[in-house]
C-alpha atoms as a PDB file:
ATOM      1  CA  MET A   1       4.194 130.617  72.077  1.00  0.00           C
ATOM      2  CA  GLU A   2       5.918 127.740  73.857  1.00  0.00           C
ATOM      3  CA  ASP A   3       4.956 125.268  71.120  1.00  0.00           C
ATOM      4  CA  TRP A   4       6.416 127.561  68.459  1.00  0.00           C
ATOM      5  CA  LEU A   5       9.679 127.723  70.417  1.00  0.00           C
ATOM      6  CA  HIS A   6       9.733 123.917  70.696  1.00  0.00           C
ATOM      7  CA  LEU A   7       9.183 123.711  66.946  1.00  0.00           C
ATOM      8  CA  ILE A   8      12.100 126.046  66.263  1.00  0.00           C
ATOM      9  CA  ASP A   9      14.350 124.105  68.665  1.00  0.00           C
ATOM     10  CA  ALA A  10      13.354 120.621  67.436  1.00  0.00           C
ATOM     11  CA  GLU A  11      16.377 118.745  66.153  1.00  0.00           C
ATOM     12  CA  THR A  12      15.014 115.255  65.593  1.00  0.00           C
ATOM     13  CA  GLU A  13      11.999 113.650  63.977  1.00  0.00           C
ATOM     14  CA  GLY A  14      11.065 112.274  67.387  1.00  0.00           C
ATOM     15  CA  GLU A  15      10.844 115.763  68.855  1.00  0.00           C
ATOM     16  CA  LEU A  16       8.637 116.839  65.948  1.00  0.00           C
ATOM     17  CA  MET A  17       6.358 113.822  66.375  1.00  0.00           C
ATOM     18  CA  GLU A  18       5.994 114.483  70.089  1.00  0.00           C
ATOM     19  CA  LEU A  19       5.197 118.135  69.488  1.00  0.00           C
ATOM     20  CA  GLN A  20       2.711 117.295  66.734  1.00  0.00           C
ATOM     21  CA  GLN A  21       0.844 114.917  69.058  1.00  0.00           C
ATOM     22  CA  ARG A  22       0.932 117.268  72.051  1.00  0.00           C
ATOM     23  CA  THR A  23       0.120 120.655  70.507  1.00  0.00           C
ATOM     24  CA  MET A  24      -3.369 122.020  70.174  1.00  0.00           C
ATOM     25  CA  ILE A  25      -2.323 124.749  67.736  1.00  0.00           C
ATOM     26  CA  PRO A  26      -3.388 123.867  64.170  1.00  0.00           C
ATOM     27  CA  GLU A  27      -0.756 126.150  62.624  1.00  0.00           C
ATOM     28  CA  VAL A  28       2.039 124.337  64.454  1.00  0.00           C
ATOM     29  CA  LYS A  29       0.709 120.980  63.209  1.00  0.00           C
ATOM     30  CA  GLU A  30       0.487 122.330  59.656  1.00  0.00           C
ATOM     31  CA  THR A  31       4.037 123.679  59.856  1.00  0.00           C
ATOM     32  CA  ILE A  32       5.330 120.278  60.975  1.00  0.00           C
ATOM     33  CA  VAL A  33       3.602 118.635  58.003  1.00  0.00           C
ATOM     34  CA  MET A  34       5.154 121.210  55.639  1.00  0.00           C
ATOM     35  CA  LEU A  35       8.600 120.650  57.179  1.00  0.00           C
ATOM     36  CA  ARG A  36       8.288 116.921  56.590  1.00  0.00           C
ATOM     37  CA  GLN A  37       7.234 117.481  52.991  1.00  0.00           C
ATOM     38  CA  LEU A  38      10.144 119.818  52.385  1.00  0.00           C
ATOM     39  CA  SER A  39      12.591 117.421  54.017  1.00  0.00           C
ATOM     40  CA  ALA A  40      11.329 114.586  51.837  1.00  0.00           C
ATOM     41  CA  ASP A  41      11.949 116.513  48.619  1.00  0.00           C
ATOM     42  CA  GLU A  42      15.555 115.950  47.547  1.00  0.00           C
ATOM     43  CA  GLN A  43      15.604 118.983  45.241  1.00  0.00           C
ATOM     44  CA  VAL A  44      14.344 121.272  48.011  1.00  0.00           C
ATOM     45  CA  ARG A  45      17.024 119.957  50.385  1.00  0.00           C
ATOM     46  CA  ARG A  46      19.703 120.440  47.733  1.00  0.00           C
ATOM     47  CA  ASP A  47      18.494 123.972  46.980  1.00  0.00           C
ATOM     48  CA  ALA A  48      18.475 124.818  50.689  1.00  0.00           C
ATOM     49  CA  TYR A  49      22.000 123.424  51.077  1.00  0.00           C
ATOM     50  CA  TYR A  50      23.348 125.473  48.168  1.00  0.00           C
ATOM     51  CA  ARG A  51      21.537 128.590  49.370  1.00  0.00           C
ATOM     52  CA  GLU A  52      23.118 128.241  52.820  1.00  0.00           C
ATOM     53  CA  LYS A  53      26.508 127.565  51.224  1.00  0.00           C
ATOM     54  CA  ARG A  54      26.192 130.654  49.007  1.00  0.00           C
ATOM     55  CA  LEU A  55      25.227 132.835  51.970  1.00  0.00           C
ATOM     56  CA  HIS A  56      28.168 131.491  53.975  1.00  0.00           C
ATOM     57  CA  ASP A  57      30.574 132.019  51.069  1.00  0.00           C
ATOM     58  CA  GLU A  58      29.305 135.581  50.561  1.00  0.00           C
ATOM     59  CA  ALA A  59      29.724 136.393  54.256  1.00  0.00           C
ATOM     60  CA  THR A  60      33.246 134.961  54.198  1.00  0.00           C
ATOM     61  CA  ALA A  61      34.167 136.959  51.079  1.00  0.00           C
ATOM     62  CA  ILE A  62      32.796 140.178  52.567  1.00  0.00           C
ATOM     63  CA  GLY A  63      34.693 139.561  55.804  1.00  0.00           C
ATOM     64  CA  ASN A  64      37.935 138.889  53.936  1.00  0.00           C
ATOM     65  CA  ALA A  65      37.506 141.969  51.746  1.00  0.00           C
ATOM     66  CA  THR A  66      36.779 144.114  54.799  1.00  0.00           C
ATOM     67  CA  ARG A  67      39.901 142.879  56.611  1.00  0.00           C
ATOM     68  CA  LYS A  68      42.022 143.409  53.491  1.00  0.00           C
ATOM     69  CA  GLY A  69      40.623 146.909  52.968  1.00  0.00           C
ATOM     70  CA  ARG A  70      41.293 147.874  56.566  1.00  0.00           C
ATOM     71  CA  ALA A  71      44.860 146.556  56.379  1.00  0.00           C
ATOM     72  CA  GLU A  72      45.477 148.498  53.170  1.00  0.00           C
ATOM     73  CA  GLY A  73      43.982 151.626  54.712  1.00  0.00           C
ATOM     74  CA  ARG A  74      46.208 151.327  57.772  1.00  0.00           C
ATOM     75  CA  ALA A  75      49.281 150.809  55.579  1.00  0.00           C
ATOM     76  CA  GLU A  76      48.417 153.881  53.483  1.00  0.00           C
ATOM     77  CA  GLY A  77      47.814 155.916  56.630  1.00  0.00           C
ATOM     78  CA  ARG A  78      51.176 154.910  58.104  1.00  0.00           C
ATOM     79  CA  ALA A  79      52.920 155.788  54.817  1.00  0.00           C
ATOM     80  CA  GLU A  80      51.250 159.214  54.774  1.00  0.00           C
ATOM     81  CA  VAL A  81      52.257 159.945  58.354  1.00  0.00           C
ATOM     82  CA  LYS A  82      55.810 158.795  57.649  1.00  0.00           C
ATOM     83  CA  ASN A  83      56.030 161.054  54.570  1.00  0.00           C
ATOM     84  CA  GLU A  84      54.641 164.025  56.520  1.00  0.00           C
ATOM     85  CA  LEU A  85      57.126 163.476  59.342  1.00  0.00           C
ATOM     86  CA  MET A  86      60.013 163.170  56.910  1.00  0.00           C
ATOM     87  CA  GLU A  87      58.989 166.394  55.154  1.00  0.00           C
ATOM     88  CA  MET A  88      58.583 168.228  58.473  1.00  0.00           C
ATOM     89  CA  TRP A  89      61.999 167.063  59.674  1.00  0.00           C
ATOM     90  CA  ARG A  90      63.624 168.050  56.363  1.00  0.00           C
ATOM     91  CA  GLN A  91      62.134 171.543  56.708  1.00  0.00           C
ATOM     92  CA  LYS A  92      63.574 171.753  60.221  1.00  0.00           C
ATOM     93  CA  GLY A  93      67.010 170.937  58.860  1.00  0.00           C
ATOM     94  CA  PHE A  94      67.401 167.276  59.794  1.00  0.00           C
ATOM     95  CA  THR A  95      69.726 165.256  57.568  1.00  0.00           C
ATOM     96  CA  GLU A  96      68.580 162.144  55.753  1.00  0.00           C
ATOM     97  CA  GLU A  97      70.735 160.106  58.123  1.00  0.00           C
ATOM     98  CA  GLN A  98      69.042 161.666  61.171  1.00  0.00           C
ATOM     99  CA  ILE A  99      65.620 161.085  59.661  1.00  0.00           C
ATOM    100  CA  LYS A 100      66.404 157.410  59.010  1.00  0.00           C
ATOM    101  CA  GLU A 101      67.598 157.072  62.592  1.00  0.00           C
ATOM    102  CA  LEU A 102      64.408 158.650  63.922  1.00  0.00           C
ATOM    103  CA  LEU A 103      62.341 156.280  61.793  1.00  0.00           C
ATOM    104  CA  GLY A 104      64.357 153.276  62.938  1.00  0.00           C
ATOM    105  CA  GLU A 105      65.548 152.422  59.457  1.00  0.00           C
END
């Protein structure tokens, strides 16, 4: 388990080389070889870069849309409450001037 964690945390080629020499787990050694092969392939690196960029862009777009939707929802909610208050005050006999004063307009 510890060797797998070291593999996941490895940031440099030197760390990978040390782990490859030290580990007794064949699967870890095979994974290091595959990582080197993938890193050597320019097209694979480019594809991985664009995949990560697409995922980041999608997450950003979703976050922006969520914030915008919430802001619009709050604005619509405030407008509804304002309209309901105005109607209630009109029914109670308040003048338009009094209503504007109550609303701070």
